[in-house]
Protein backbone atom coordinates (compact mmCIF):
# COMPACT_ATOMS: atom_id res chain seq x y z
CA MET A 1 16.90 -15.26 16.39
CA VAL A 2 13.60 -15.92 18.24
CA GLY A 3 12.46 -14.84 21.15
CA THR A 4 9.05 -14.67 23.72
CA ARG A 5 7.04 -12.71 25.22
CA PRO A 6 4.92 -13.50 27.49
CA CYS A 7 1.22 -10.86 27.86
CA PRO A 8 -1.82 -11.24 29.86
CA PRO A 9 -4.56 -12.23 27.83
CA ARG A 10 -7.36 -10.25 26.64
CA GLU A 11 -10.19 -9.88 24.95
CA ALA A 12 -10.09 -8.12 21.81
CA ASP A 13 -13.15 -5.68 20.86
CA GLY A 14 -15.28 -8.10 22.33
CA SER A 15 -14.13 -11.52 20.42
CA ALA A 16 -12.71 -14.10 21.16
CA HIS A 17 -9.11 -14.27 20.79
CA LEU A 18 -6.83 -13.68 23.79
CA ILE A 19 -3.28 -12.79 22.99
CA ASN A 20 -1.22 -15.04 25.49
CA LEU A 21 2.47 -15.56 23.75
CA ILE A 22 3.53 -13.00 21.35
CA ARG A 23 6.88 -13.61 19.53
CA ILE A 24 9.33 -11.35 18.02
CA GLU A 25 11.47 -12.46 15.74
CA ARG A 26 14.25 -11.03 13.48
CA SER A 27 15.92 -11.63 10.12
CA ARG A 28 18.96 -13.24 10.58
CA SER A 29 20.68 -16.43 9.15
CA VAL A 30 16.50 -17.40 8.36
CA HIS A 31 16.84 -14.95 5.81
CA CYS A 32 19.03 -15.72 3.26
CA ARG A 33 18.64 -13.35 0.46
CA ALA A 34 19.30 -9.96 3.25
CA ALA A 35 21.89 -11.74 4.22
CA ASP A 36 23.03 -12.40 1.31
CA ARG A 37 23.05 -8.10 0.51
CA GLY A 38 25.07 -7.63 4.08
CA VAL A 39 21.83 -6.07 5.50
CA ARG A 40 22.32 -5.34 9.22
CA VAL A 41 18.94 -5.79 11.26
CA LEU A 42 18.66 -3.27 13.97
CA GLN A 43 17.44 -4.83 17.25
CA ASP A 44 15.97 -1.63 19.13
CA ALA A 45 13.57 -2.98 22.46
CA ARG A 46 11.86 0.09 20.81
CA ILE A 47 10.04 -1.59 17.83
CA ASP A 48 9.69 -5.31 20.79
CA GLU A 49 7.56 -2.83 23.33
CA ALA A 50 5.30 -1.35 20.35
CA LEU A 51 4.83 -4.45 19.04
CA VAL A 52 3.86 -5.77 22.14
CA THR A 53 1.13 -2.58 22.69
CA ALA A 54 -0.24 -3.09 19.55
CA ALA A 55 -0.68 -6.74 20.80
CA ALA A 56 -1.60 -7.28 24.32
CA GLY A 57 -3.30 -3.25 23.96
CA TYR A 58 -5.27 -3.19 21.23
CA GLY A 59 -6.21 -6.74 19.67
CA GLU A 60 -3.77 -6.86 17.12
CA ARG A 61 -3.43 -11.06 16.02
CA GLY A 62 -1.16 -10.75 13.28
CA LEU A 63 2.23 -7.72 12.64
CA GLN A 64 5.38 -7.37 10.48
CA VAL A 65 6.36 -4.33 10.18
CA ALA A 66 10.07 -3.36 8.29
CA ALA A 67 11.76 0.15 7.45
CA TYR A 68 14.94 1.01 5.55
CA ILE A 69 17.02 3.49 5.95
CA GLY A 70 18.84 5.07 3.16
CA SER A 71 19.66 1.61 1.15
CA GLU A 72 20.34 -0.52 4.94
CA LEU A 73 17.23 -2.56 6.25
CA VAL A 74 16.88 -1.43 9.54
CA ILE A 75 13.52 -2.94 11.09
CA ASP A 76 12.40 -6.36 10.41
CA ALA A 77 10.23 -7.47 12.89
CA TRP A 78 7.25 -9.52 12.88
CA THR A 79 4.91 -10.75 15.92
CA GLY A 80 1.48 -12.95 16.52
CA GLU A 81 -0.50 -15.17 14.62
CA ALA A 82 -0.92 -15.47 10.59
CA ASP A 83 -4.49 -17.19 10.88
CA SER A 84 -7.39 -18.52 13.03
CA ALA A 85 -5.10 -22.21 13.49
CA GLY A 86 -2.41 -20.58 14.92
CA ARG A 87 0.19 -19.90 12.32
CA PRO A 88 3.29 -18.10 13.80
CA VAL A 89 3.84 -15.20 11.29
CA THR A 90 7.20 -15.21 9.75
CA GLY A 91 8.83 -12.52 7.88
CA ASP A 92 7.88 -14.18 4.73
CA THR A 93 4.01 -14.06 5.41
CA LEU A 94 2.29 -12.18 3.08
CA PHE A 95 -0.42 -9.74 3.25
CA PRO A 96 -3.43 -8.49 1.60
CA VAL A 97 -2.13 -4.64 2.01
CA PHE A 98 -5.65 -3.02 -0.18
CA SER A 99 -4.82 0.62 -0.87
CA VAL A 100 -1.65 -0.16 0.20
CA SER A 101 -1.57 -1.26 -3.68
CA LYS A 102 -2.38 1.68 -5.41
CA ALA A 103 0.86 3.19 -4.77
CA ILE A 104 3.36 0.35 -6.41
CA THR A 105 0.68 0.48 -8.59
CA SER A 106 1.82 4.08 -9.60
CA LEU A 107 5.31 3.70 -9.17
CA ALA A 108 4.70 1.22 -12.51
CA LEU A 109 2.83 3.84 -14.11
CA HIS A 110 6.26 6.18 -13.03
CA LEU A 111 8.49 4.00 -14.66
CA GLN A 112 6.92 3.69 -17.58
CA ALA A 113 6.67 7.87 -18.11
CA GLU A 114 10.54 7.83 -17.14
CA ARG A 115 11.18 5.81 -20.14
CA GLY A 116 9.31 8.56 -22.24
CA LEU A 117 6.35 5.90 -23.01
CA VAL A 118 3.59 7.92 -21.13
CA ASP A 119 3.47 11.55 -20.53
CA TYR A 120 0.52 12.38 -17.55
CA GLU A 121 -0.61 15.75 -19.41
CA SER A 122 -1.83 13.27 -21.74
CA PRO A 123 -5.60 11.36 -22.55
CA VAL A 124 -5.66 8.35 -21.05
CA ALA A 125 -7.27 6.93 -24.52
CA ARG A 126 -3.98 7.80 -26.72
CA TYR A 127 -2.65 4.90 -24.84
CA TRP A 128 -6.00 2.65 -24.37
CA PRO A 129 -8.57 4.57 -27.60
CA GLU A 130 -11.40 2.44 -26.11
CA PHE A 131 -11.14 4.57 -22.79
CA GLY A 132 -12.62 7.31 -24.87
CA SER A 133 -15.98 6.20 -25.37
CA TYR A 134 -18.81 7.67 -23.66
CA GLY A 135 -17.58 10.87 -22.91
CA LYS A 136 -14.16 10.05 -21.89
CA ALA A 137 -12.17 11.16 -24.56
CA ASP A 138 -10.82 14.18 -22.35
CA ILE A 139 -9.94 12.14 -18.83
CA LEU A 140 -6.25 12.94 -18.59
CA VAL A 141 -3.28 10.11 -17.16
CA ARG A 142 -2.79 12.86 -14.28
CA HIS A 143 -6.64 12.91 -13.84
CA VAL A 144 -6.67 9.15 -12.74
CA LEU A 145 -3.45 9.19 -10.86
CA SER A 146 -4.31 11.90 -8.50
CA HIS A 147 -8.57 10.49 -8.49
CA GLN A 148 -10.20 13.35 -10.48
CA SER A 149 -10.58 11.34 -13.33
CA GLY A 150 -14.63 10.95 -12.81
CA VAL A 151 -14.52 7.54 -12.83
CA PRO A 152 -14.90 6.06 -9.23
CA GLN A 153 -17.25 3.05 -10.37
CA MET A 154 -17.01 -0.12 -10.97
CA PRO A 155 -18.41 -2.27 -13.30
CA GLU A 156 -22.41 -3.36 -12.98
CA GLY A 157 -22.68 -7.07 -11.69
CA VAL A 158 -18.27 -7.17 -10.55
CA THR A 159 -17.99 -10.45 -8.75
CA PRO A 160 -14.95 -11.74 -6.72
CA GLU A 161 -14.19 -14.50 -9.62
CA LEU A 162 -14.73 -11.45 -12.07
CA LEU A 163 -11.78 -9.63 -10.35
CA GLY A 164 -9.50 -11.46 -11.96
CA ASP A 165 -11.01 -11.46 -15.62
CA TRP A 166 -8.69 -8.23 -17.00
CA GLU A 167 -10.35 -8.68 -20.20
CA TRP A 168 -14.06 -8.36 -18.83
CA MET A 169 -12.72 -5.18 -16.20
CA THR A 170 -11.05 -2.97 -18.91
CA THR A 171 -13.87 -4.05 -21.17
CA ARG A 172 -16.47 -2.86 -18.96
CA ILE A 173 -14.84 -0.01 -17.61
CA ALA A 174 -14.31 1.39 -21.43
CA GLU A 175 -17.54 1.13 -21.27
CA PHE A 176 -17.97 3.48 -18.69
CA THR A 177 -19.78 7.31 -18.56
CA PRO A 178 -18.27 9.91 -16.42
CA LEU A 179 -20.17 10.14 -13.11
CA PHE A 180 -18.35 14.09 -12.67
CA ALA A 181 -16.37 16.11 -15.26
CA PRO A 182 -12.16 15.22 -15.53
CA GLY A 183 -10.84 17.66 -12.54
CA ALA A 184 -13.86 19.39 -11.57
CA SER A 185 -14.23 16.71 -8.59
CA SER A 186 -11.81 14.40 -6.14
CA ALA A 187 -14.05 11.18 -6.56
CA TYR A 188 -11.27 8.63 -5.26
CA GLN A 189 -11.84 5.18 -8.00
CA SER A 190 -11.24 2.74 -4.86
CA LEU A 191 -10.96 -0.21 -6.70
CA VAL A 192 -10.83 0.82 -10.48
CA PHE A 193 -8.06 3.40 -10.15
CA GLY A 194 -5.98 -0.18 -10.16
CA TRP A 195 -7.38 -1.52 -13.77
CA ILE A 196 -7.27 1.73 -15.51
CA VAL A 197 -3.68 3.00 -14.60
CA GLY A 198 -2.62 -0.54 -15.09
CA GLU A 199 -4.23 -0.50 -18.48
CA VAL A 200 -2.05 2.42 -19.50
CA VAL A 201 0.87 0.34 -18.61
CA ARG A 202 0.28 -2.67 -20.07
CA ARG A 203 -0.48 -0.99 -23.55
CA THR A 204 2.67 1.25 -23.16
CA ASP A 205 5.33 -2.19 -22.71
CA PRO A 206 6.79 -2.87 -25.94
CA SER A 207 7.09 -6.23 -24.47
CA GLY A 208 2.91 -6.30 -24.04
CA ARG A 209 3.20 -8.32 -20.60
CA GLY A 210 0.58 -8.75 -18.10
CA PHE A 211 0.67 -6.18 -14.96
CA GLY A 212 1.68 -8.35 -12.37
CA GLU A 213 4.28 -10.21 -14.90
CA PHE A 214 5.21 -6.09 -15.60
CA VAL A 215 5.51 -5.20 -11.99
CA ARG A 216 7.68 -8.20 -11.01
CA ASP A 217 10.09 -8.11 -13.91
CA GLU A 218 10.49 -3.96 -14.43
CA LEU A 219 9.95 -2.64 -10.26
CA CYS A 220 10.88 -5.73 -7.98
CA ALA A 221 13.62 -8.05 -10.00
CA PRO A 222 16.10 -4.98 -10.64
CA LEU A 223 15.48 -4.70 -6.81
CA GLY A 224 15.92 -8.21 -5.65
CA ILE A 225 12.07 -8.31 -4.54
CA GLU A 226 10.70 -11.72 -4.42
CA ASP A 227 7.48 -11.06 -1.66
CA LEU A 228 4.73 -8.77 -3.91
CA PHE A 229 2.64 -10.23 -6.13
CA PHE A 230 -0.70 -8.41 -7.71
CA GLY A 231 -2.07 -12.33 -8.11
CA VAL A 232 -0.53 -15.22 -5.55
CA PRO A 233 0.60 -17.86 -7.23
CA GLU A 234 -1.03 -21.69 -6.33
CA ASP A 235 2.27 -22.44 -4.28
CA ARG A 236 2.20 -19.60 -2.34
CA LEU A 237 -1.03 -19.43 -1.66
CA SER A 238 -0.70 -20.79 2.02
CA ASP A 239 1.85 -18.22 3.12
CA VAL A 240 -0.87 -15.45 3.24
CA ALA A 241 -2.16 -14.55 6.35
CA GLU A 242 -6.05 -14.53 6.93
CA LEU A 243 -8.18 -11.04 7.48
CA THR A 244 -9.98 -10.95 10.56
CA SER A 245 -11.74 -7.98 11.14
CA ILE A 246 -13.74 -5.80 13.07
CA LEU A 247 -15.50 -3.18 10.22
CA SER A 248 -18.95 -2.91 9.82
CA ARG A 249 -20.59 -4.28 6.45
CA GLU A 250 -23.72 -1.92 6.73
CA ARG A 251 -23.41 1.28 4.13
CA ALA A 252 -22.96 4.55 5.76
CA PRO A 253 -25.56 7.13 6.62
CA GLY A 254 -26.30 9.24 3.35
CA GLU A 255 -23.82 7.63 0.80
CA THR A 256 -23.14 9.50 -1.85
CA ARG A 257 -24.56 7.28 -5.40
CA ALA A 258 -20.11 7.92 -6.22
CA SER A 259 -19.44 6.02 -3.09
CA LEU A 260 -21.82 3.45 -3.65
CA LEU A 261 -21.11 2.62 -7.55
CA ALA A 262 -17.39 2.50 -6.52
CA LYS A 263 -17.15 -0.21 -3.86
CA PRO A 264 -19.95 -2.35 -4.77
CA ASP A 265 -21.05 -4.99 -1.84
CA ALA A 266 -20.03 -7.85 -4.12
CA VAL A 267 -16.29 -7.15 -3.87
CA ALA A 268 -16.13 -4.93 -0.74
CA PRO A 269 -12.53 -4.72 0.42
CA ASP A 270 -13.22 -6.14 3.62
CA ALA A 271 -12.51 -9.76 5.04
CA HIS A 272 -15.62 -11.44 3.50
CA VAL A 273 -13.99 -10.27 0.25
CA HIS A 274 -10.15 -11.20 0.43
CA ASN A 275 -9.58 -14.03 2.50
CA LEU A 276 -11.42 -15.77 -0.52
CA ASP A 277 -8.97 -17.78 -2.73
CA VAL A 278 -9.68 -16.49 -5.92
CA VAL A 279 -9.19 -12.46 -5.00
CA LYS A 280 -5.85 -13.86 -3.92
CA LYS A 281 -4.90 -14.70 -7.23
CA ALA A 282 -6.70 -12.20 -9.39
CA CYS A 283 -4.45 -9.23 -10.72
CA TYR A 284 -5.94 -6.71 -9.06
CA PRO A 285 -3.94 -3.72 -9.03
CA GLY A 286 -6.27 -1.16 -7.32
CA ALA A 287 -6.53 -2.41 -3.61
CA GLY A 288 -5.14 -6.80 -3.99
CA GLY A 289 -1.40 -6.73 -3.43
CA ILE A 290 0.00 -9.29 -1.23
CA LEU A 291 3.06 -8.78 0.24
CA SER A 292 5.20 -8.76 3.08
CA ALA A 293 6.42 -5.64 4.53
CA ARG A 294 10.31 -6.14 3.99
CA ALA A 295 9.30 -6.38 0.23
CA VAL A 296 7.70 -2.82 0.08
CA ALA A 297 9.82 -1.58 2.14
CA ARG A 298 12.69 -1.79 -0.36
CA LEU A 299 11.04 -0.87 -3.41
CA GLY A 300 9.66 2.46 -1.25
CA ALA A 301 13.95 2.53 0.13
CA MET A 302 14.77 3.31 -4.27
CA VAL A 303 12.20 5.99 -4.18
CA ALA A 304 12.94 7.42 -0.79
CA ASN A 305 16.58 6.88 -2.01
CA GLY A 306 15.92 8.89 -5.31
CA GLY A 307 14.74 7.01 -7.57
CA GLU A 308 17.76 4.52 -7.04
CA LEU A 309 19.13 2.04 -4.89
CA ASP A 310 22.09 -0.39 -4.66
CA GLY A 311 23.60 0.76 -7.99
CA VAL A 312 19.66 0.53 -9.63
CA ARG A 313 17.93 3.49 -10.89
CA LEU A 314 14.73 3.27 -11.97
CA LEU A 315 13.00 7.19 -11.55
CA SER A 316 15.41 10.68 -11.39
CA GLU A 317 15.55 12.30 -8.54
CA SER A 318 13.35 15.16 -10.12
CA ARG A 319 10.96 12.63 -11.00
CA VAL A 320 10.51 11.10 -7.30
CA ARG A 321 10.35 14.71 -5.81
CA ARG A 322 7.91 15.69 -7.90
CA LEU A 323 5.34 13.06 -6.29
CA LEU A 324 5.43 15.67 -3.55
CA THR A 325 3.13 18.00 -5.56
CA PRO A 326 -0.13 18.48 -4.36
CA ARG A 327 -3.45 17.70 -7.02
CA PRO A 328 -5.51 21.47 -7.98
CA ASN A 329 -8.16 21.27 -5.98
CA GLY A 330 -6.94 19.71 -3.40
CA ASP A 331 -9.00 20.96 -0.32
CA ALA A 332 -12.29 19.66 -2.69
CA LEU A 333 -14.59 16.73 -0.91
CA ASP A 334 -13.98 13.87 -1.72
CA GLU A 335 -17.33 12.14 -3.41
CA VAL A 336 -16.63 8.83 -1.90
CA LEU A 337 -14.71 8.29 0.61
CA PHE A 338 -16.73 7.71 4.05
CA GLY A 339 -18.91 7.60 2.00
CA GLY A 340 -18.95 10.74 -0.10
CA GLY A 341 -18.73 14.77 0.90
CA ARG A 342 -17.19 14.07 4.06
CA VAL A 343 -13.54 14.81 3.98
CA ALA A 344 -11.04 16.02 1.30
CA ALA A 345 -8.01 14.01 0.57
CA PRO A 346 -4.35 15.16 0.57
CA ILE A 347 -3.58 13.60 -2.48
CA GLY A 348 -0.73 14.41 -4.59
CA THR A 349 -0.34 14.48 -8.45
CA GLY A 350 1.76 10.99 -8.78
CA GLY A 351 -0.92 9.31 -6.86
CA PHE A 352 0.27 9.09 -3.30
CA TRP A 353 -1.33 10.77 -0.11
CA LEU A 354 0.60 13.56 1.19
CA GLY A 355 2.15 14.63 4.41
CA ALA A 356 0.47 14.54 8.58
CA GLY A 357 -2.46 11.92 8.90
CA THR A 358 -0.42 8.81 10.09
CA PRO A 359 1.86 7.84 13.35
CA LEU A 360 5.17 8.56 12.01
CA GLY A 361 3.61 12.69 12.70
CA ASP A 362 3.53 15.63 10.75
CA GLN A 363 6.22 15.20 8.17
CA PRO A 364 6.73 17.67 5.11
CA ALA A 365 8.65 15.44 3.15
CA LEU A 366 5.85 12.34 3.38
CA LEU A 367 4.99 10.40 0.57
CA ARG A 368 2.15 7.58 2.21
CA HIS A 369 -0.60 5.03 1.35
CA GLY A 370 -2.53 3.43 3.68
CA GLY A 371 -4.88 0.49 3.02
CA SER A 372 -8.59 -0.50 4.16
CA GLY A 373 -8.12 -1.87 7.99
CA GLY A 374 -5.42 -0.30 8.51
CA SER A 375 -2.07 -1.28 6.78
CA LEU A 376 0.84 1.64 6.04
CA PHE A 377 3.00 2.43 3.24
CA ALA A 378 5.11 5.76 4.12
CA ILE A 379 8.31 7.33 2.55
CA ASP A 380 9.74 10.18 4.04
CA LEU A 381 12.05 11.72 2.23
CA ASP A 382 14.29 14.18 4.13
CA ARG A 383 15.34 11.06 6.23
CA ARG A 384 15.88 8.82 3.36
CA LEU A 385 12.65 6.37 5.48
CA SER A 386 10.71 3.79 3.71
CA VAL A 387 8.55 2.16 6.46
CA MET A 388 5.96 -0.47 5.45
CA ILE A 389 3.42 -1.97 8.15
CA CYS A 390 1.78 -4.68 7.21
CA HIS A 391 -0.94 -7.25 9.71
CA ASN A 392 -4.34 -9.24 8.96
CA ARG A 393 -7.13 -7.56 11.97
CA MET A 394 -8.96 -5.32 10.00
CA PHE A 395 -9.42 -1.46 12.03
CA GLU A 396 -11.17 2.13 11.66
CA GLY A 397 -12.40 4.50 13.92
CA TYR A 398 -9.06 5.43 15.63
CA ASP A 399 -7.46 8.64 14.92
CA PRO A 400 -3.99 8.27 12.61
CA THR A 401 -2.51 10.94 14.54
CA SER A 402 -3.70 10.61 18.15
CA ASP A 403 -1.49 8.39 21.01
CA ASP A 404 -4.42 5.65 20.73
CA HIS A 405 -4.03 4.46 17.77
CA PRO A 406 -2.71 1.11 17.56
CA PHE A 407 0.74 1.56 15.88
CA ALA A 408 1.21 4.73 17.55
CA ALA A 409 3.91 3.84 19.52
CA LEU A 410 5.56 1.63 16.87
CA GLY A 411 5.50 5.05 14.62
CA ARG A 412 7.39 6.09 17.26
CA ALA A 413 10.12 4.28 17.42
CA VAL A 414 10.58 4.32 13.55
CA ILE A 415 10.69 7.88 13.16
CA ASP A 416 12.82 7.90 16.57
CA ILE A 417 15.42 5.49 15.00
CA ALA A 418 15.70 7.23 11.69
CA ASP A 419 16.44 10.55 13.58
CA GLU A 420 19.28 8.92 15.61
CA ARG A 421 20.82 7.10 12.84
CA LEU A 422 20.57 10.91 11.02
CA ALA A 423 22.24 12.03 13.75
CA GLY A 424 24.81 9.61 14.21
CA ALA A 425 25.28 10.11 10.25
CA GLU A 426 25.69 14.14 10.61
CA ALA A 427 28.18 13.40 13.51
CA SER A 428 30.62 10.79 11.12
CA PRO A 429 33.44 12.41 9.60
CA SER A 430 32.14 10.47 6.32
CA GLY A 431 28.73 11.60 6.90
CA THR A 432 27.68 8.40 6.83
CA ALA A 433 26.16 6.18 9.44
């Protein structure tokens, strides 16, 4: 079903982009894969209105939102334009999501731990011996997951082209000297996270697959997920949304050395770099995931349901609940985020951010990961809710808990819908909606 809704023209953040028409489409017959699984897509005016608010009120250009409650896809909506040529966003449009990638990458490692192939308390060098050189022998797997490895930097001389050279990246990373002692400081691994975690996954894979192939075969295929990529194939490049940005490329005043080294200008997590085809095609697990909202919401539904979805169990329920465990020394100011030395990061031992700090409100059992420019992936274990918001207009400077956030209305609508469904389930004789 396709609906149109006219909106008043609005100039977005000083740009010449005018929003004249909001297209809000729903997935029914156009998404055979969803229909074949017996998914019922919830029609709800609150989601329509929230998308209109984001576009007309805040200048959002192209948006997708998808949510699962339990094993059911209940929200699957999109609006706007995927690129400057006016290509409409569809449910199959792929969006770069930056650090949301880290949540997916972490789940790949948790899958290896579930299989007994990785121990969080073991040194990374147990699985990747070369990594143990130059003072890194005591860095544990859990230090990397919780951004306390002391190794946030990227290799000197890295370029967009080299992001896709796995051997070059991992060889250079193995030669690093830590900037901080492991476990002593919080130093967010903005980009390098993915190669360290990804190489542990690759080295513990009995089949020796590349990381992108592992994610496709072991996380996505069992759950029927197709539109999630670490390295977009050539024939899907035309489906990737073009990023626009109001982010400043100026470095933060007083930026720490660790922050400067973690995000070199040449490969900064911004539209300038991530609109390049060479970056879209790179297997870049720390910030290079490109996907649809529906795909990630389904992956999150597996977590939200205690590690199992539609009869496929990937993680134990106890392992999922342990993702809510805060990391030690969690109140330390991070050496990288926002230029370094400014904020503490509520990160769990399993790689997810925890609790408050999103338009979904202060939910006590919330696992979340945002991405540069505002994309958001969140899992509420109490509600069995998984939600993904993708967009292509990168922004910064909004308080994510404020009513003035572009996704505030969307967050409220998602939580209201989830709570209504839960109340209905509790009231039904069988206890199910």
